[in-house]
Amino acid sequence: MPKTSNASLPSAGKPQTASTRPTTEEIALRAYHIYLERDGAPGDALDDWTRAERELQEETGKPRRKPGPKLVVA
């Protein structure tokens, strides 16, 4: 039986890199935020989806900021 390599299979433990595409969940969340920016007014869900997808794809080329330290008020 020939030995197969799993090197091309994605690993569940690998962190996402900047070259990965946004997930469906990320696009849906951004589209929902776009809807909320309209104060929930009726609009075109497909336009919201494509705008969200485009915005997230543009962000993948930019490095993401790491969250800063949490401030503690004494």
N, C-alpha and C. Protein backbone atom coordinates (compact mmCIF):
# COMPACT_ATOMS: atom_id res chain seq x y z
N MET A 1 0.85 -1.18 0.00
CA MET A 1 0.00 0.00 0.00
C MET A 1 0.90 1.24 0.00
N PRO A 2 0.66 2.23 -0.90
CA PRO A 2 1.51 3.41 -0.95
C PRO A 2 1.27 4.31 0.25
N LYS A 3 2.35 4.89 0.70
CA LYS A 3 2.28 5.80 1.84
C LYS A 3 1.84 7.18 1.35
N THR A 4 0.86 7.76 2.02
CA THR A 4 0.38 9.09 1.63
C THR A 4 0.88 10.11 2.65
N SER A 5 1.08 11.30 2.16
CA SER A 5 1.56 12.36 3.03
C SER A 5 0.39 13.26 3.43
N ASN A 6 0.35 13.64 4.68
CA ASN A 6 -0.67 14.55 5.17
C ASN A 6 -0.13 15.98 5.24
N ALA A 7 0.99 16.25 4.61
CA ALA A 7 1.61 17.56 4.69
C ALA A 7 0.74 18.66 4.08
N SER A 8 -0.09 18.32 3.11
CA SER A 8 -0.91 19.35 2.47
C SER A 8 -2.22 19.60 3.21
N LEU A 9 -2.55 18.78 4.20
CA LEU A 9 -3.79 18.98 4.93
C LEU A 9 -3.61 20.08 5.97
N PRO A 10 -4.62 20.96 6.10
CA PRO A 10 -4.51 22.02 7.11
C PRO A 10 -4.60 21.43 8.51
N SER A 11 -3.86 22.00 9.39
CA SER A 11 -3.86 21.54 10.77
C SER A 11 -4.80 22.41 11.58
N ALA A 12 -5.61 21.78 12.42
CA ALA A 12 -6.56 22.53 13.22
C ALA A 12 -5.86 23.42 14.24
N GLY A 13 -4.64 23.07 14.61
CA GLY A 13 -3.93 23.83 15.62
C GLY A 13 -3.14 25.00 15.07
N LYS A 14 -3.06 25.12 13.76
CA LYS A 14 -2.27 26.20 13.19
C LYS A 14 -2.97 27.54 13.35
N PRO A 15 -2.26 28.59 13.73
CA PRO A 15 -2.89 29.90 13.80
C PRO A 15 -3.14 30.43 12.40
N GLN A 16 -4.14 31.29 12.26
CA GLN A 16 -4.41 31.88 10.96
C GLN A 16 -3.33 32.88 10.61
N THR A 17 -2.95 32.90 9.36
CA THR A 17 -1.96 33.86 8.91
C THR A 17 -2.66 34.97 8.17
N ALA A 18 -1.92 36.01 7.84
CA ALA A 18 -2.50 37.16 7.16
C ALA A 18 -2.99 36.80 5.76
N SER A 19 -2.51 35.70 5.19
CA SER A 19 -2.90 35.35 3.84
C SER A 19 -4.19 34.54 3.78
N THR A 20 -4.77 34.16 4.93
CA THR A 20 -5.99 33.38 4.92
C THR A 20 -7.19 34.27 4.65
N ARG A 21 -8.20 33.67 4.07
CA ARG A 21 -9.43 34.41 3.78
C ARG A 21 -10.28 34.49 5.04
N PRO A 22 -11.12 35.51 5.14
CA PRO A 22 -12.02 35.60 6.31
C PRO A 22 -13.00 34.43 6.32
N THR A 23 -13.35 34.00 7.50
CA THR A 23 -14.30 32.89 7.64
C THR A 23 -15.72 33.39 7.41
N THR A 24 -16.62 32.46 7.18
CA THR A 24 -18.03 32.80 7.01
C THR A 24 -18.56 33.51 8.25
N GLU A 25 -18.13 33.06 9.42
CA GLU A 25 -18.58 33.67 10.66
C GLU A 25 -18.10 35.12 10.78
N GLU A 26 -16.85 35.37 10.38
CA GLU A 26 -16.31 36.72 10.42
C GLU A 26 -17.07 37.64 9.46
N ILE A 27 -17.37 37.14 8.28
CA ILE A 27 -18.10 37.94 7.30
C ILE A 27 -19.51 38.22 7.80
N ALA A 28 -20.16 37.20 8.35
CA ALA A 28 -21.52 37.37 8.87
C ALA A 28 -21.56 38.39 10.00
N LEU A 29 -20.58 38.35 10.88
CA LEU A 29 -20.53 39.29 11.99
C LEU A 29 -20.32 40.72 11.49
N ARG A 30 -19.41 40.89 10.52
CA ARG A 30 -19.17 42.23 9.97
C ARG A 30 -20.41 42.73 9.23
N ALA A 31 -21.08 41.85 8.48
CA ALA A 31 -22.31 42.24 7.78
C ALA A 31 -23.38 42.67 8.78
N TYR A 32 -23.45 41.98 9.90
CA TYR A 32 -24.41 42.36 10.94
C TYR A 32 -24.08 43.73 11.51
N HIS A 33 -22.79 44.00 11.71
CA HIS A 33 -22.39 45.31 12.22
C HIS A 33 -22.73 46.41 11.21
N ILE A 34 -22.59 46.12 9.94
CA ILE A 34 -22.98 47.09 8.90
C ILE A 34 -24.48 47.37 9.00
N TYR A 35 -25.27 46.32 9.19
CA TYR A 35 -26.71 46.46 9.38
C TYR A 35 -27.01 47.34 10.60
N LEU A 36 -26.30 47.11 11.68
CA LEU A 36 -26.52 47.91 12.89
C LEU A 36 -26.11 49.37 12.68
N GLU A 37 -25.08 49.60 11.86
CA GLU A 37 -24.66 50.98 11.56
C GLU A 37 -25.78 51.74 10.86
N ARG A 38 -26.67 51.03 10.17
CA ARG A 38 -27.84 51.65 9.52
C ARG A 38 -28.99 51.76 10.51
N ASP A 39 -28.74 51.51 11.77
CA ASP A 39 -29.77 51.50 12.82
C ASP A 39 -30.85 50.46 12.54
N GLY A 40 -30.45 49.37 11.89
CA GLY A 40 -31.39 48.29 11.63
C GLY A 40 -32.39 48.59 10.53
N ALA A 41 -32.15 49.66 9.78
CA ALA A 41 -33.06 50.01 8.68
C ALA A 41 -32.96 48.94 7.59
N PRO A 42 -34.08 48.71 6.90
CA PRO A 42 -34.03 47.73 5.82
C PRO A 42 -32.99 48.10 4.78
N GLY A 43 -32.37 47.10 4.25
CA GLY A 43 -31.34 47.31 3.24
C GLY A 43 -31.18 46.05 2.43
N ASP A 44 -30.10 45.96 1.73
CA ASP A 44 -29.85 44.80 0.90
C ASP A 44 -28.82 43.91 1.60
N ALA A 45 -29.25 42.74 2.05
CA ALA A 45 -28.37 41.83 2.78
C ALA A 45 -27.17 41.40 1.93
N LEU A 46 -27.38 41.23 0.64
CA LEU A 46 -26.28 40.84 -0.24
C LEU A 46 -25.23 41.96 -0.32
N ASP A 47 -25.68 43.20 -0.38
CA ASP A 47 -24.73 44.33 -0.38
C ASP A 47 -23.94 44.37 0.93
N ASP A 48 -24.63 44.13 2.05
CA ASP A 48 -23.94 44.11 3.35
C ASP A 48 -22.89 43.00 3.36
N TRP A 49 -23.27 41.83 2.85
CA TRP A 49 -22.36 40.67 2.85
C TRP A 49 -21.12 40.95 2.00
N THR A 50 -21.34 41.46 0.78
CA THR A 50 -20.20 41.70 -0.11
C THR A 50 -19.32 42.82 0.42
N ARG A 51 -19.92 43.85 1.03
CA ARG A 51 -19.11 44.92 1.63
C ARG A 51 -18.28 44.36 2.78
N ALA A 52 -18.89 43.54 3.62
CA ALA A 52 -18.18 42.95 4.75
C ALA A 52 -17.03 42.07 4.26
N GLU A 53 -17.29 41.26 3.25
CA GLU A 53 -16.26 40.39 2.71
C GLU A 53 -15.09 41.20 2.14
N ARG A 54 -15.42 42.25 1.41
CA ARG A 54 -14.39 43.10 0.81
C ARG A 54 -13.55 43.79 1.89
N GLU A 55 -14.21 44.34 2.92
CA GLU A 55 -13.49 45.01 3.99
C GLU A 55 -12.55 44.05 4.73
N LEU A 56 -13.03 42.86 5.00
CA LEU A 56 -12.20 41.89 5.72
C LEU A 56 -11.04 41.41 4.86
N GLN A 57 -11.26 41.25 3.56
CA GLN A 57 -10.18 40.82 2.68
C GLN A 57 -9.12 41.92 2.58
N GLU A 58 -9.53 43.18 2.60
CA GLU A 58 -8.57 44.28 2.57
C GLU A 58 -7.74 44.30 3.85
N GLU A 59 -8.36 43.93 4.97
CA GLU A 59 -7.65 43.91 6.24
C GLU A 59 -6.62 42.79 6.34
N THR A 60 -6.79 41.72 5.57
CA THR A 60 -5.88 40.59 5.68
C THR A 60 -4.47 40.97 5.24
N GLY A 61 -4.32 41.99 4.43
CA GLY A 61 -3.01 42.43 4.00
C GLY A 61 -2.31 43.30 5.03
N LYS A 62 -3.08 43.76 6.01
CA LYS A 62 -2.51 44.63 7.04
C LYS A 62 -2.25 43.81 8.30
N PRO A 63 -1.16 44.10 8.99
CA PRO A 63 -0.92 43.37 10.25
C PRO A 63 -1.96 43.78 11.28
N ARG A 64 -2.42 42.80 12.03
CA ARG A 64 -3.41 43.09 13.07
C ARG A 64 -2.71 43.56 14.33
N ARG A 65 -3.33 44.54 14.97
CA ARG A 65 -2.78 45.04 16.22
C ARG A 65 -3.06 44.05 17.33
N LYS A 66 -2.08 43.88 18.17
CA LYS A 66 -2.30 43.05 19.35
C LYS A 66 -3.01 43.91 20.38
N PRO A 67 -3.90 43.32 21.16
CA PRO A 67 -4.57 44.12 22.18
C PRO A 67 -3.57 44.60 23.22
N GLY A 68 -3.74 45.81 23.67
CA GLY A 68 -2.84 46.38 24.65
C GLY A 68 -3.11 45.80 26.03
N PRO A 69 -2.29 46.17 26.98
CA PRO A 69 -2.50 45.65 28.34
C PRO A 69 -3.78 46.21 28.93
N LYS A 70 -4.41 45.42 29.76
CA LYS A 70 -5.63 45.88 30.42
C LYS A 70 -5.25 46.87 31.50
N LEU A 71 -5.99 47.97 31.54
CA LEU A 71 -5.73 49.00 32.54
C LEU A 71 -6.48 48.66 33.81
N VAL A 72 -5.80 48.80 34.91
CA VAL A 72 -6.41 48.53 36.21
C VAL A 72 -6.47 49.85 36.97
N VAL A 73 -7.68 50.20 37.39
CA VAL A 73 -7.85 51.44 38.14
C VAL A 73 -7.78 51.09 39.62
N ALA A 74 -6.89 51.78 40.33
CA ALA A 74 -6.72 51.49 41.76
C ALA A 74 -7.60 52.35 42.60
